[in-house]
Structure formats: structure tokens, C-alpha cells
Full PDB file with SEQRES, HELIX, SHEET, SSBOND, CRYST1, ORIGX, SCALE, CONECT and MASTER records, all heavy atoms in Angstrom:
SEQRES   1 A   30  TRP ARG THR ALA PHE GLU THR LEU ALA ARG ILE SER GLU          
SEQRES   2 A   30  LYS GLU ARG ILE VAL VAL ILE ILE ASP GLU PHE THR TYR          
SEQRES   3 A   30  LEU LEU ALA ALA                                              
HELIX    1 AA1 ARG A    2  ILE A   11  1                                  10    
HELIX    2 AA2 PHE A   24  ALA A   29  1                                   6    
CRYST1    1.000    1.000    1.000  90.00  90.00  90.00 P 1           1          
ORIGX1      1.000000  0.000000  0.000000        0.00000                         
ORIGX2      0.000000  1.000000  0.000000        0.00000                         
ORIGX3      0.000000  0.000000  1.000000        0.00000                         
SCALE1      1.000000  0.000000  0.000000        0.00000                         
SCALE2      0.000000  1.000000  0.000000        0.00000                         
SCALE3      0.000000  0.000000  1.000000        0.00000                         
ATOM      1  N   TRP A   1       9.649   3.487   0.458  1.00  0.00           N  
ATOM      2  CA  TRP A   1       8.453   2.687   0.263  1.00  0.00           C  
ATOM      3  C   TRP A   1       7.934   2.149   1.647  1.00  0.00           C  
ATOM      4  O   TRP A   1       6.788   2.059   1.820  1.00  0.00           O  
ATOM      5  CB  TRP A   1       8.737   1.517  -0.783  1.00  0.00           C  
ATOM      6  CG  TRP A   1       8.772   1.911  -2.114  1.00  0.00           C  
ATOM      7  CD1 TRP A   1       9.905   2.144  -2.839  1.00  0.00           C  
ATOM      8  CD2 TRP A   1       7.721   2.222  -3.005  1.00  0.00           C  
ATOM      9  NE1 TRP A   1       9.549   2.506  -4.078  1.00  0.00           N  
ATOM     10  CE2 TRP A   1       8.224   2.627  -4.198  1.00  0.00           C  
ATOM     11  CE3 TRP A   1       6.309   2.194  -2.839  1.00  0.00           C  
ATOM     12  CZ2 TRP A   1       7.417   2.929  -5.300  1.00  0.00           C  
ATOM     13  CZ3 TRP A   1       5.525   2.480  -3.892  1.00  0.00           C  
ATOM     14  CH2 TRP A   1       6.044   2.863  -5.128  1.00  0.00           C  
ATOM     15  N   ARG A   2       8.887   1.850   2.452  1.00  0.00           N  
ATOM     16  CA  ARG A   2       8.417   1.346   3.830  1.00  0.00           C  
ATOM     17  C   ARG A   2       7.638   2.378   4.552  1.00  0.00           C  
ATOM     18  O   ARG A   2       6.574   2.021   5.146  1.00  0.00           O  
ATOM     19  CB  ARG A   2       9.660   0.946   4.596  1.00  0.00           C  
ATOM     20  CG  ARG A   2       9.314   0.371   6.028  1.00  0.00           C  
ATOM     21  CD  ARG A   2      10.476  -0.171   6.703  1.00  0.00           C  
ATOM     22  NE  ARG A   2      10.035  -0.840   7.980  1.00  0.00           N  
ATOM     23  CZ  ARG A   2      10.824  -1.417   8.818  1.00  0.00           C  
ATOM     24  NH1 ARG A   2      12.133  -1.595   8.545  1.00  0.00           N  
ATOM     25  NH2 ARG A   2      10.377  -1.882  10.018  1.00  0.00           N  
ATOM     26  N   THR A   3       7.959   3.578   4.442  1.00  0.00           N  
ATOM     27  CA  THR A   3       7.207   4.692   5.096  1.00  0.00           C  
ATOM     28  C   THR A   3       5.806   4.769   4.500  1.00  0.00           C  
ATOM     29  O   THR A   3       4.793   4.923   5.180  1.00  0.00           O  
ATOM     30  CB  THR A   3       7.912   6.051   4.944  1.00  0.00           C  
ATOM     31  OG1 THR A   3       9.188   5.992   5.535  1.00  0.00           O  
ATOM     32  CG2 THR A   3       7.139   7.126   5.666  1.00  0.00           C  
ATOM     33  N   ALA A   4       5.721   4.619   3.172  1.00  0.00           N  
ATOM     34  CA  ALA A   4       4.480   4.678   2.458  1.00  0.00           C  
ATOM     35  C   ALA A   4       3.530   3.518   2.932  1.00  0.00           C  
ATOM     36  O   ALA A   4       2.341   3.713   3.256  1.00  0.00           O  
ATOM     37  CB  ALA A   4       4.638   4.536   0.989  1.00  0.00           C  
ATOM     38  N   PHE A   5       4.105   2.282   2.987  1.00  0.00           N  
ATOM     39  CA  PHE A   5       3.377   1.110   3.459  1.00  0.00           C  
ATOM     40  C   PHE A   5       2.844   1.249   4.941  1.00  0.00           C  
ATOM     41  O   PHE A   5       1.737   0.923   5.269  1.00  0.00           O  
ATOM     42  CB  PHE A   5       4.161  -0.151   3.264  1.00  0.00           C  
ATOM     43  CG  PHE A   5       4.345  -0.466   1.775  1.00  0.00           C  
ATOM     44  CD1 PHE A   5       5.607  -0.965   1.332  1.00  0.00           C  
ATOM     45  CD2 PHE A   5       3.345  -0.363   0.851  1.00  0.00           C  
ATOM     46  CE1 PHE A   5       5.841  -1.313   0.010  1.00  0.00           C  
ATOM     47  CE2 PHE A   5       3.547  -0.697  -0.507  1.00  0.00           C  
ATOM     48  CZ  PHE A   5       4.870  -1.171  -0.895  1.00  0.00           C  
ATOM     49  N   GLU A   6       3.799   1.785   5.757  1.00  0.00           N  
ATOM     50  CA  GLU A   6       3.472   2.013   7.188  1.00  0.00           C  
ATOM     51  C   GLU A   6       2.353   2.951   7.321  1.00  0.00           C  
ATOM     52  O   GLU A   6       1.523   2.896   8.313  1.00  0.00           O  
ATOM     53  CB  GLU A   6       4.676   2.290   7.893  1.00  0.00           C  
ATOM     54  CG  GLU A   6       5.645   1.158   8.110  1.00  0.00           C  
ATOM     55  CD  GLU A   6       6.897   1.496   8.917  1.00  0.00           C  
ATOM     56  OE1 GLU A   6       7.118   2.675   9.157  1.00  0.00           O  
ATOM     57  OE2 GLU A   6       7.652   0.567   9.227  1.00  0.00           O  
ATOM     58  N   THR A   7       2.297   3.967   6.427  1.00  0.00           N  
ATOM     59  CA  THR A   7       1.196   4.959   6.499  1.00  0.00           C  
ATOM     60  C   THR A   7      -0.149   4.263   6.198  1.00  0.00           C  
ATOM     61  O   THR A   7      -1.120   4.541   6.877  1.00  0.00           O  
ATOM     62  CB  THR A   7       1.444   6.079   5.479  1.00  0.00           C  
ATOM     63  OG1 THR A   7       2.682   6.679   5.728  1.00  0.00           O  
ATOM     64  CG2 THR A   7       0.306   7.134   5.547  1.00  0.00           C  
ATOM     65  N   LEU A   8      -0.186   3.346   5.303  1.00  0.00           N  
ATOM     66  CA  LEU A   8      -1.424   2.644   5.000  1.00  0.00           C  
ATOM     67  C   LEU A   8      -1.799   1.717   6.186  1.00  0.00           C  
ATOM     68  O   LEU A   8      -2.943   1.599   6.559  1.00  0.00           O  
ATOM     69  CB  LEU A   8      -1.231   1.719   3.767  1.00  0.00           C  
ATOM     70  CG  LEU A   8      -1.185   2.520   2.428  1.00  0.00           C  
ATOM     71  CD1 LEU A   8      -0.758   1.689   1.278  1.00  0.00           C  
ATOM     72  CD2 LEU A   8      -2.528   3.186   2.128  1.00  0.00           C  
ATOM     73  N   ALA A   9      -0.745   1.135   6.897  1.00  0.00           N  
ATOM     74  CA  ALA A   9      -1.068   0.355   8.006  1.00  0.00           C  
ATOM     75  C   ALA A   9      -1.706   1.160   9.144  1.00  0.00           C  
ATOM     76  O   ALA A   9      -2.647   0.745   9.837  1.00  0.00           O  
ATOM     77  CB  ALA A   9       0.245  -0.313   8.512  1.00  0.00           C  
ATOM     78  N   ARG A  10      -1.087   2.384   9.273  1.00  0.00           N  
ATOM     79  CA  ARG A  10      -1.731   3.249  10.317  1.00  0.00           C  
ATOM     80  C   ARG A  10      -3.081   3.683  10.043  1.00  0.00           C  
ATOM     81  O   ARG A  10      -3.988   3.739  10.937  1.00  0.00           O  
ATOM     82  CB  ARG A  10      -0.799   4.591  10.441  1.00  0.00           C  
ATOM     83  CG  ARG A  10      -1.342   5.590  11.375  1.00  0.00           C  
ATOM     84  CD  ARG A  10      -0.455   6.833  11.418  1.00  0.00           C  
ATOM     85  NE  ARG A  10      -0.250   7.451  10.168  1.00  0.00           N  
ATOM     86  CZ  ARG A  10      -1.123   8.194   9.524  1.00  0.00           C  
ATOM     87  NH1 ARG A  10      -2.329   8.468  10.087  1.00  0.00           N  
ATOM     88  NH2 ARG A  10      -0.744   8.704   8.363  1.00  0.00           N  
ATOM     89  N   ILE A  11      -3.412   3.979   8.749  1.00  0.00           N  
ATOM     90  CA  ILE A  11      -4.796   4.340   8.376  1.00  0.00           C  
ATOM     91  C   ILE A  11      -5.769   3.262   8.662  1.00  0.00           C  
ATOM     92  O   ILE A  11      -6.866   3.477   9.027  1.00  0.00           O  
ATOM     93  CB  ILE A  11      -4.829   4.768   6.842  1.00  0.00           C  
ATOM     94  CG1 ILE A  11      -4.056   6.035   6.605  1.00  0.00           C  
ATOM     95  CG2 ILE A  11      -6.293   4.969   6.443  1.00  0.00           C  
ATOM     96  CD1 ILE A  11      -3.850   6.316   5.111  1.00  0.00           C  
ATOM     97  N   SER A  12      -5.345   1.973   8.504  1.00  0.00           N  
ATOM     98  CA  SER A  12      -6.151   0.881   8.713  1.00  0.00           C  
ATOM     99  C   SER A  12      -6.371   0.527  10.143  1.00  0.00           C  
ATOM    100  O   SER A  12      -7.204  -0.439  10.488  1.00  0.00           O  
ATOM    101  CB  SER A  12      -5.606  -0.429   7.988  1.00  0.00           C  
ATOM    102  OG  SER A  12      -4.484  -0.861   8.565  1.00  0.00           O  
ATOM    103  N   GLU A  13      -5.816   1.135  11.046  1.00  0.00           N  
ATOM    104  CA  GLU A  13      -6.038   0.914  12.436  1.00  0.00           C  
ATOM    105  C   GLU A  13      -7.345   1.329  12.842  1.00  0.00           C  
ATOM    106  O   GLU A  13      -7.958   0.796  13.812  1.00  0.00           O  
ATOM    107  CB  GLU A  13      -4.980   1.649  13.303  1.00  0.00           C  
ATOM    108  CG  GLU A  13      -3.542   1.099  13.202  1.00  0.00           C  
ATOM    109  CD  GLU A  13      -2.568   1.975  14.001  1.00  0.00           C  
ATOM    110  OE1 GLU A  13      -2.988   3.043  14.506  1.00  0.00           O  
ATOM    111  OE2 GLU A  13      -1.356   1.607  13.990  1.00  0.00           O  
ATOM    112  N   LYS A  14      -7.941   2.324  12.175  1.00  0.00           N  
ATOM    113  CA  LYS A  14      -9.255   2.887  12.524  1.00  0.00           C  
ATOM    114  C   LYS A  14     -10.443   2.205  11.846  1.00  0.00           C  
ATOM    115  O   LYS A  14     -11.563   2.172  12.298  1.00  0.00           O  
ATOM    116  CB  LYS A  14      -9.324   4.403  12.203  1.00  0.00           C  
ATOM    117  CG  LYS A  14      -8.231   5.187  12.922  1.00  0.00           C  
ATOM    118  CD  LYS A  14      -8.345   6.651  12.512  1.00  0.00           C  
ATOM    119  CE  LYS A  14      -7.253   7.483  13.224  1.00  0.00           C  
ATOM    120  NZ  LYS A  14      -7.295   8.935  12.773  1.00  0.00           N  
ATOM    121  N   GLU A  15     -10.190   1.592  10.696  1.00  0.00           N  
ATOM    122  CA  GLU A  15     -11.231   0.994   9.908  1.00  0.00           C  
ATOM    123  C   GLU A  15     -10.681  -0.054   8.888  1.00  0.00           C  
ATOM    124  O   GLU A  15      -9.497  -0.035   8.560  1.00  0.00           O  
ATOM    125  CB  GLU A  15     -12.015   2.034   9.102  1.00  0.00           C  
ATOM    126  CG  GLU A  15     -11.128   2.879   8.119  1.00  0.00           C  
ATOM    127  CD  GLU A  15     -11.944   3.891   7.334  1.00  0.00           C  
ATOM    128  OE1 GLU A  15     -13.052   3.692   7.047  1.00  0.00           O  
ATOM    129  OE2 GLU A  15     -11.345   5.000   7.068  1.00  0.00           O  
ATOM    130  N   ARG A  16     -11.540  -0.920   8.402  1.00  0.00           N  
ATOM    131  CA  ARG A  16     -11.159  -1.851   7.407  1.00  0.00           C  
ATOM    132  C   ARG A  16     -10.932  -1.182   6.066  1.00  0.00           C  
ATOM    133  O   ARG A  16     -11.832  -0.484   5.540  1.00  0.00           O  
ATOM    134  CB  ARG A  16     -12.190  -2.929   7.261  1.00  0.00           C  
ATOM    135  CG  ARG A  16     -11.846  -3.986   6.231  1.00  0.00           C  
ATOM    136  CD  ARG A  16     -10.789  -4.949   6.701  1.00  0.00           C  
ATOM    137  NE  ARG A  16     -10.807  -6.299   6.073  1.00  0.00           N  
ATOM    138  CZ  ARG A  16      -9.858  -7.171   6.211  1.00  0.00           C  
ATOM    139  NH1 ARG A  16      -8.825  -6.893   7.029  1.00  0.00           N  
ATOM    140  NH2 ARG A  16      -9.980  -8.344   5.662  1.00  0.00           N  
ATOM    141  N   ILE A  17      -9.728  -1.201   5.451  1.00  0.00           N  
ATOM    142  CA  ILE A  17      -9.571  -0.672   4.161  1.00  0.00           C  
ATOM    143  C   ILE A  17      -8.999  -1.730   3.202  1.00  0.00           C  
ATOM    144  O   ILE A  17      -8.329  -2.729   3.589  1.00  0.00           O  
ATOM    145  CB  ILE A  17      -8.588   0.526   4.191  1.00  0.00           C  
ATOM    146  CG1 ILE A  17      -7.186   0.084   4.626  1.00  0.00           C  
ATOM    147  CG2 ILE A  17      -9.132   1.591   5.085  1.00  0.00           C  
ATOM    148  CD1 ILE A  17      -6.065   1.264   4.472  1.00  0.00           C  
ATOM    149  N   VAL A  18      -9.319  -1.502   1.898  1.00  0.00           N  
ATOM    150  CA  VAL A  18      -8.830  -2.313   0.857  1.00  0.00           C  
ATOM    151  C   VAL A  18      -7.737  -1.460   0.125  1.00  0.00           C  
ATOM    152  O   VAL A  18      -8.011  -0.377  -0.305  1.00  0.00           O  
ATOM    153  CB  VAL A  18      -9.899  -2.798  -0.123  1.00  0.00           C  
ATOM    154  CG1 VAL A  18      -9.358  -3.594  -1.273  1.00  0.00           C  
ATOM    155  CG2 VAL A  18     -10.983  -3.485   0.625  1.00  0.00           C  
ATOM    156  N   VAL A  19      -6.648  -2.165  -0.026  1.00  0.00           N  
ATOM    157  CA  VAL A  19      -5.521  -1.451  -0.783  1.00  0.00           C  
ATOM    158  C   VAL A  19      -5.216  -2.308  -2.066  1.00  0.00           C  
ATOM    159  O   VAL A  19      -4.855  -3.409  -1.951  1.00  0.00           O  
ATOM    160  CB  VAL A  19      -4.246  -1.247   0.146  1.00  0.00           C  
ATOM    161  CG1 VAL A  19      -3.044  -0.785  -0.759  1.00  0.00           C  
ATOM    162  CG2 VAL A  19      -4.518  -0.387   1.276  1.00  0.00           C  
ATOM    163  N   ILE A  20      -5.367  -1.715  -3.210  1.00  0.00           N  
ATOM    164  CA  ILE A  20      -5.103  -2.383  -4.496  1.00  0.00           C  
ATOM    165  C   ILE A  20      -3.914  -1.738  -5.185  1.00  0.00           C  
ATOM    166  O   ILE A  20      -4.010  -0.492  -5.456  1.00  0.00           O  
ATOM    167  CB  ILE A  20      -6.291  -2.307  -5.385  1.00  0.00           C  
ATOM    168  CG1 ILE A  20      -7.565  -2.997  -4.689  1.00  0.00           C  
ATOM    169  CG2 ILE A  20      -6.100  -3.064  -6.685  1.00  0.00           C  
ATOM    170  CD1 ILE A  20      -8.634  -2.048  -4.347  1.00  0.00           C  
ATOM    171  N   ILE A  21      -2.951  -2.520  -5.456  1.00  0.00           N  
ATOM    172  CA  ILE A  21      -1.845  -2.023  -6.282  1.00  0.00           C  
ATOM    173  C   ILE A  21      -1.908  -2.806  -7.583  1.00  0.00           C  
ATOM    174  O   ILE A  21      -1.553  -3.963  -7.710  1.00  0.00           O  
ATOM    175  CB  ILE A  21      -0.425  -2.263  -5.586  1.00  0.00           C  
ATOM    176  CG1 ILE A  21      -0.417  -1.532  -4.247  1.00  0.00           C  
ATOM    177  CG2 ILE A  21       0.747  -1.797  -6.495  1.00  0.00           C  
ATOM    178  CD1 ILE A  21       0.855  -1.882  -3.433  1.00  0.00           C  
ATOM    179  N   ASP A  22      -2.361  -2.160  -8.615  1.00  0.00           N  
ATOM    180  CA  ASP A  22      -2.617  -2.764  -9.925  1.00  0.00           C  
ATOM    181  C   ASP A  22      -1.366  -2.555 -10.795  1.00  0.00           C  
ATOM    182  O   ASP A  22      -0.628  -1.652 -10.590  1.00  0.00           O  
ATOM    183  CB  ASP A  22      -3.817  -2.098 -10.557  1.00  0.00           C  
ATOM    184  CG  ASP A  22      -4.451  -3.072 -11.629  1.00  0.00           C  
ATOM    185  OD1 ASP A  22      -3.896  -4.138 -11.756  1.00  0.00           O  
ATOM    186  OD2 ASP A  22      -5.380  -2.704 -12.326  1.00  0.00           O  
ATOM    187  N   GLU A  23      -1.236  -3.414 -11.775  1.00  0.00           N  
ATOM    188  CA  GLU A  23       0.002  -3.419 -12.656  1.00  0.00           C  
ATOM    189  C   GLU A  23       1.230  -3.472 -11.826  1.00  0.00           C  
ATOM    190  O   GLU A  23       2.218  -2.668 -12.089  1.00  0.00           O  
ATOM    191  CB  GLU A  23      -0.095  -2.212 -13.621  1.00  0.00           C  
ATOM    192  CG  GLU A  23      -1.221  -2.153 -14.541  1.00  0.00           C  
ATOM    193  CD  GLU A  23      -1.272  -3.298 -15.576  1.00  0.00           C  
ATOM    194  OE1 GLU A  23      -0.355  -4.034 -15.658  1.00  0.00           O  
ATOM    195  OE2 GLU A  23      -2.253  -3.362 -16.334  1.00  0.00           O  
ATOM    196  N   PHE A  24       1.262  -4.365 -10.885  1.00  0.00           N  
ATOM    197  CA  PHE A  24       2.364  -4.427  -9.964  1.00  0.00           C  
ATOM    198  C   PHE A  24       3.721  -4.724 -10.714  1.00  0.00           C  
ATOM    199  O   PHE A  24       4.799  -4.252 -10.280  1.00  0.00           O  
ATOM    200  CB  PHE A  24       2.188  -5.472  -8.903  1.00  0.00           C  
ATOM    201  CG  PHE A  24       3.166  -5.592  -7.896  1.00  0.00           C  
ATOM    202  CD1 PHE A  24       3.260  -4.639  -6.861  1.00  0.00           C  
ATOM    203  CD2 PHE A  24       4.083  -6.730  -7.859  1.00  0.00           C  
ATOM    204  CE1 PHE A  24       4.185  -4.690  -5.815  1.00  0.00           C  
ATOM    205  CE2 PHE A  24       5.057  -6.814  -6.818  1.00  0.00           C  
ATOM    206  CZ  PHE A  24       5.073  -5.856  -5.838  1.00  0.00           C  
ATOM    207  N   THR A  25       3.729  -5.265 -11.880  1.00  0.00           N  
ATOM    208  CA  THR A  25       4.905  -5.600 -12.580  1.00  0.00           C  
ATOM    209  C   THR A  25       5.556  -4.364 -13.136  1.00  0.00           C  
ATOM    210  O   THR A  25       6.813  -4.399 -13.378  1.00  0.00           O  
ATOM    211  CB  THR A  25       4.610  -6.653 -13.693  1.00  0.00           C  
ATOM    212  OG1 THR A  25       3.443  -6.228 -14.465  1.00  0.00           O  
ATOM    213  CG2 THR A  25       4.377  -8.011 -13.113  1.00  0.00           C  
ATOM    214  N   TYR A  26       4.889  -3.283 -13.420  1.00  0.00           N  
ATOM    215  CA  TYR A  26       5.470  -2.076 -13.789  1.00  0.00           C  
ATOM    216  C   TYR A  26       6.314  -1.504 -12.627  1.00  0.00           C  
ATOM    217  O   TYR A  26       7.395  -1.037 -12.866  1.00  0.00           O  
ATOM    218  CB  TYR A  26       4.413  -0.994 -14.199  1.00  0.00           C  
ATOM    219  CG  TYR A  26       3.812  -1.155 -15.526  1.00  0.00           C  
ATOM    220  CD1 TYR A  26       2.452  -0.846 -15.758  1.00  0.00           C  
ATOM    221  CD2 TYR A  26       4.500  -1.681 -16.612  1.00  0.00           C  
ATOM    222  CE1 TYR A  26       1.824  -0.962 -17.032  1.00  0.00           C  
ATOM    223  CE2 TYR A  26       3.926  -1.831 -17.865  1.00  0.00           C  
ATOM    224  CZ  TYR A  26       2.598  -1.488 -18.060  1.00  0.00           C  
ATOM    225  OH  TYR A  26       1.995  -1.676 -19.232  1.00  0.00           O  
ATOM    226  N   LEU A  27       5.835  -1.702 -11.508  1.00  0.00           N  
ATOM    227  CA  LEU A  27       6.554  -1.266 -10.261  1.00  0.00           C  
ATOM    228  C   LEU A  27       7.826  -2.221 -10.115  1.00  0.00           C  
ATOM    229  O   LEU A  27       8.865  -1.716  -9.746  1.00  0.00           O  
ATOM    230  CB  LEU A  27       5.678  -1.364  -9.063  1.00  0.00           C  
ATOM    231  CG  LEU A  27       6.162  -0.773  -7.797  1.00  0.00           C  
ATOM    232  CD1 LEU A  27       6.693   0.569  -7.919  1.00  0.00           C  
ATOM    233  CD2 LEU A  27       5.132  -0.805  -6.722  1.00  0.00           C  
ATOM    234  N   LEU A  28       7.668  -3.495 -10.336  1.00  0.00           N  
ATOM    235  CA  LEU A  28       8.785  -4.398 -10.200  1.00  0.00           C  
ATOM    236  C   LEU A  28       9.867  -4.014 -11.211  1.00  0.00           C  
ATOM    237  O   LEU A  28      11.046  -4.030 -10.894  1.00  0.00           O  
ATOM    238  CB  LEU A  28       8.305  -5.781 -10.495  1.00  0.00           C  
ATOM    239  CG  LEU A  28       7.726  -6.626  -9.334  1.00  0.00           C  
ATOM    240  CD1 LEU A  28       7.196  -7.921  -9.799  1.00  0.00           C  
ATOM    241  CD2 LEU A  28       8.839  -6.901  -8.309  1.00  0.00           C  
ATOM    242  N   ALA A  29       9.432  -3.640 -12.441  1.00  0.00           N  
ATOM    243  CA  ALA A  29      10.454  -3.281 -13.472  1.00  0.00           C  
ATOM    244  C   ALA A  29      11.282  -2.066 -13.067  1.00  0.00           C  
ATOM    245  O   ALA A  29      12.427  -1.979 -13.313  1.00  0.00           O  
ATOM    246  CB  ALA A  29       9.752  -3.101 -14.790  1.00  0.00           C  
ATOM    247  N   ALA A  30      10.558  -1.063 -12.448  1.00  0.00           N  
ATOM    248  CA  ALA A  30      11.204   0.176 -12.091  1.00  0.00           C  
ATOM    249  C   ALA A  30      11.963  -0.010 -10.770  1.00  0.00           C  
ATOM    250  O   ALA A  30      13.083   0.642 -10.557  1.00  0.00           O  
ATOM    251  CB  ALA A  30      10.226   1.229 -12.040  1.00  0.00           C  
TER     252      ALA A  30                                                      
MASTER        0    0    0    2    0    0    0    6  251    1    0    3          
END                                                                             
């Protein structure tokens, strides 16, 4: 997961991006 999040951080270096993780509790359960 850390690699995935860092990829989003790298993408946002060039422009403002919005990242939405919906139904986060399904992710918490898994």
C-alpha cells in the first residue's frame, strides 16, 4: 500500500489532484 500511496504523491507533484477513497471501512475490514 505504501508504494501505491507514494505513486499518488508523485503524480500530484505536477498538478493538484483530488484522491477519493470511498467506502473506506470495507478496506479497513479487509
